[in-house]
Amino acid sequence: MAGTETLNMYRAIVTTDTGAQFEASNIGHLVDEWREAFSVDNAEDREKYNIGVNLNNDNMFYLKPGAKGTAILAAEGELDGSPSRVYVSPQGAMAEVEATKAAG
């Protein structure tokens, strides 16, 4: 990455000390699957609808270089062991890099 591209945090992969691999991806596909759960049939469902809208908006994660933010990723299962390495795809599926702890 040249440090000039917009980030969208497509995926994160964690490998553990037990050799397991755990993959978490953008929640967009889940928001689509859950869309019916947030539908509004009456005024009492307005809060449920707003939760769905907020979840969808939080899914739209795009940051310019130098900006900070929080991406929501989802994965199935539980992490087996302690994390040993983390790989991220901050600019889509093809741009995977190993994450390192920030200095300071």
C-alpha atoms as a PDB file:
ATOM      1  CA  MET A   1       0.000   0.000   0.000  1.00  0.00           C
ATOM      2  CA  ALA A   2       1.294   3.372  -0.892  1.00  0.00           C
ATOM      3  CA  GLY A   3      -0.459   5.062   2.026  1.00  0.00           C
ATOM      4  CA  THR A   4      -2.688   7.133  -0.235  1.00  0.00           C
ATOM      5  CA  GLU A   5      -5.646   4.797  -0.785  1.00  0.00           C
ATOM      6  CA  THR A   6      -9.004   4.730   1.003  1.00  0.00           C
ATOM      7  CA  LEU A   7      -9.302   1.882   3.535  1.00  0.00           C
ATOM      8  CA  ASN A   8     -12.357  -0.374   3.809  1.00  0.00           C
ATOM      9  CA  MET A   9     -11.060  -3.219   6.063  1.00  0.00           C
ATOM     10  CA  TYR A  10     -12.421  -6.076   3.989  1.00  0.00           C
ATOM     11  CA  ARG A  11     -11.106  -8.911   6.177  1.00  0.00           C
ATOM     12  CA  ALA A  12      -8.859  -9.861   9.103  1.00  0.00           C
ATOM     13  CA  ILE A  13      -7.252 -13.273   9.584  1.00  0.00           C
ATOM     14  CA  VAL A  14      -5.832 -14.323  12.950  1.00  0.00           C
ATOM     15  CA  THR A  15      -3.496 -17.287  13.326  1.00  0.00           C
ATOM     16  CA  THR A  16      -3.037 -18.747  16.792  1.00  0.00           C
ATOM     17  CA  ASP A  17      -0.336 -20.475  18.801  1.00  0.00           C
ATOM     18  CA  THR A  18      -2.230 -23.752  18.247  1.00  0.00           C
ATOM     19  CA  GLY A  19      -2.008 -23.383  14.458  1.00  0.00           C
ATOM     20  CA  ALA A  20      -5.655 -22.467  14.004  1.00  0.00           C
ATOM     21  CA  GLN A  21      -6.763 -19.836  11.521  1.00  0.00           C
ATOM     22  CA  PHE A  22      -9.726 -17.572  12.264  1.00  0.00           C
ATOM     23  CA  GLU A  23     -11.180 -15.294   9.578  1.00  0.00           C
ATOM     24  CA  ALA A  24     -13.445 -12.311  10.155  1.00  0.00           C
ATOM     25  CA  SER A  25     -14.940 -10.350   7.295  1.00  0.00           C
ATOM     26  CA  ASN A  26     -16.979  -7.254   6.630  1.00  0.00           C
ATOM     27  CA  ILE A  27     -20.546  -7.594   7.959  1.00  0.00           C
ATOM     28  CA  GLY A  28     -22.225  -6.499   4.721  1.00  0.00           C
ATOM     29  CA  HIS A  29     -23.386 -10.006   3.849  1.00  0.00           C
ATOM     30  CA  LEU A  30     -24.894 -10.430   7.327  1.00  0.00           C
ATOM     31  CA  VAL A  31     -26.740  -7.130   7.154  1.00  0.00           C
ATOM     32  CA  ASP A  32     -28.315  -8.347   3.907  1.00  0.00           C
ATOM     33  CA  GLU A  33     -29.272 -11.707   5.486  1.00  0.00           C
ATOM     34  CA  TRP A  34     -30.770  -9.986   8.525  1.00  0.00           C
ATOM     35  CA  ARG A  35     -32.633  -7.283   6.586  1.00  0.00           C
ATOM     36  CA  GLU A  36     -36.054  -8.879   7.198  1.00  0.00           C
ATOM     37  CA  ALA A  37     -35.403  -8.880  10.958  1.00  0.00           C
ATOM     38  CA  PHE A  38     -35.263  -5.063  10.838  1.00  0.00           C
ATOM     39  CA  SER A  39     -38.405  -4.523   8.752  1.00  0.00           C
ATOM     40  CA  VAL A  40     -41.082  -2.237  10.168  1.00  0.00           C
ATOM     41  CA  ASP A  41     -44.701  -3.375  10.348  1.00  0.00           C
ATOM     42  CA  ASN A  42     -45.945  -0.825  12.867  1.00  0.00           C
ATOM     43  CA  ALA A  43     -44.846   2.111  15.032  1.00  0.00           C
ATOM     44  CA  GLU A  44     -43.638  -0.232  17.789  1.00  0.00           C
ATOM     45  CA  ASP A  45     -41.008  -1.632  15.406  1.00  0.00           C
ATOM     46  CA  ARG A  46     -39.412   1.789  14.789  1.00  0.00           C
ATOM     47  CA  GLU A  47     -36.590   1.113  17.302  1.00  0.00           C
ATOM     48  CA  LYS A  48     -35.850  -2.233  15.653  1.00  0.00           C
ATOM     49  CA  TYR A  49     -35.750  -0.490  12.263  1.00  0.00           C
ATOM     50  CA  ASN A  50     -33.355   2.175  13.590  1.00  0.00           C
ATOM     51  CA  ILE A  51     -31.017  -0.550  14.911  1.00  0.00           C
ATOM     52  CA  GLY A  52     -30.923  -2.053  11.428  1.00  0.00           C
ATOM     53  CA  VAL A  53     -30.195   1.333   9.832  1.00  0.00           C
ATOM     54  CA  ASN A  54     -27.385   2.014  12.306  1.00  0.00           C
ATOM     55  CA  LEU A  55     -25.871  -1.423  11.722  1.00  0.00           C
ATOM     56  CA  ASN A  56     -25.979  -0.873   7.976  1.00  0.00           C
ATOM     57  CA  ASN A  57     -24.395   2.578   8.329  1.00  0.00           C
ATOM     58  CA  ASP A  58     -21.663   1.217  10.597  1.00  0.00           C
ATOM     59  CA  ASN A  59     -20.899  -1.346   7.912  1.00  0.00           C
ATOM     60  CA  MET A  60     -19.960   1.443   5.485  1.00  0.00           C
ATOM     61  CA  PHE A  61     -16.360   1.781   6.613  1.00  0.00           C
ATOM     62  CA  TYR A  62     -14.184   3.983   4.407  1.00  0.00           C
ATOM     63  CA  LEU A  63     -11.285   5.980   5.805  1.00  0.00           C
ATOM     64  CA  LYS A  64      -8.836   8.280   4.133  1.00  0.00           C
ATOM     65  CA  PRO A  65      -5.105   7.796   4.897  1.00  0.00           C
ATOM     66  CA  GLY A  66      -4.211   9.093   8.360  1.00  0.00           C
ATOM     67  CA  ALA A  67      -7.766   8.839   9.702  1.00  0.00           C
ATOM     68  CA  LYS A  68      -8.699   6.525  12.564  1.00  0.00           C
ATOM     69  CA  GLY A  69     -11.873   4.485  12.913  1.00  0.00           C
ATOM     70  CA  THR A  70     -13.425   1.221  13.990  1.00  0.00           C
ATOM     71  CA  ALA A  71     -14.508  -1.426  11.492  1.00  0.00           C
ATOM     72  CA  ILE A  72     -17.073  -4.060  12.464  1.00  0.00           C
ATOM     73  CA  LEU A  73     -16.079  -7.536  11.283  1.00  0.00           C
ATOM     74  CA  ALA A  74     -17.847 -10.830  11.944  1.00  0.00           C
ATOM     75  CA  ALA A  75     -16.656 -14.432  12.179  1.00  0.00           C
ATOM     76  CA  GLU A  76     -18.151 -17.803  13.003  1.00  0.00           C
ATOM     77  CA  GLY A  77     -16.908 -19.824  15.952  1.00  0.00           C
ATOM     78  CA  GLU A  78     -14.492 -19.107  18.747  1.00  0.00           C
ATOM     79  CA  LEU A  79     -10.805 -18.341  18.614  1.00  0.00           C
ATOM     80  CA  ASP A  80      -8.805 -21.484  19.422  1.00  0.00           C
ATOM     81  CA  GLY A  81      -5.638 -20.526  21.302  1.00  0.00           C
ATOM     82  CA  SER A  82      -3.897 -17.169  21.642  1.00  0.00           C
ATOM     83  CA  PRO A  83      -3.405 -14.883  18.642  1.00  0.00           C
ATOM     84  CA  SER A  84       0.105 -15.092  17.219  1.00  0.00           C
ATOM     85  CA  ARG A  85      -0.197 -13.187  13.920  1.00  0.00           C
ATOM     86  CA  VAL A  86      -2.831 -10.984  12.316  1.00  0.00           C
ATOM     87  CA  TYR A  87      -3.277 -10.342   8.619  1.00  0.00           C
ATOM     88  CA  VAL A  88      -5.621  -7.663   7.316  1.00  0.00           C
ATOM     89  CA  SER A  89      -7.052  -6.729   3.941  1.00  0.00           C
ATOM     90  CA  PRO A  90      -7.540  -2.976   4.373  1.00  0.00           C
ATOM     91  CA  GLN A  91      -8.160  -2.233   0.682  1.00  0.00           C
ATOM     92  CA  GLY A  92     -10.170  -5.207  -0.504  1.00  0.00           C
ATOM     93  CA  ALA A  93      -9.537  -8.928  -0.860  1.00  0.00           C
ATOM     94  CA  MET A  94      -6.348  -8.653  -2.899  1.00  0.00           C
ATOM     95  CA  ALA A  95      -4.414  -6.275  -0.598  1.00  0.00           C
ATOM     96  CA  GLU A  96      -3.510  -8.538   2.365  1.00  0.00           C
ATOM     97  CA  VAL A  97      -0.725  -7.395   4.713  1.00  0.00           C
ATOM     98  CA  GLU A  98       0.509  -8.547   8.110  1.00  0.00           C
ATOM     99  CA  ALA A  99      -0.604  -6.183  10.851  1.00  0.00           C
ATOM    100  CA  THR A 100       1.947  -4.896  13.322  1.00  0.00           C
ATOM    101  CA  LYS A 101       1.505  -3.138  16.631  1.00  0.00           C
ATOM    102  CA  ALA A 102       1.733   0.638  16.362  1.00  0.00           C
ATOM    103  CA  ALA A 103       4.737   2.236  18.032  1.00  0.00           C
ATOM    104  CA  GLY A 104       4.151   4.415  21.039  1.00  0.00           C
END
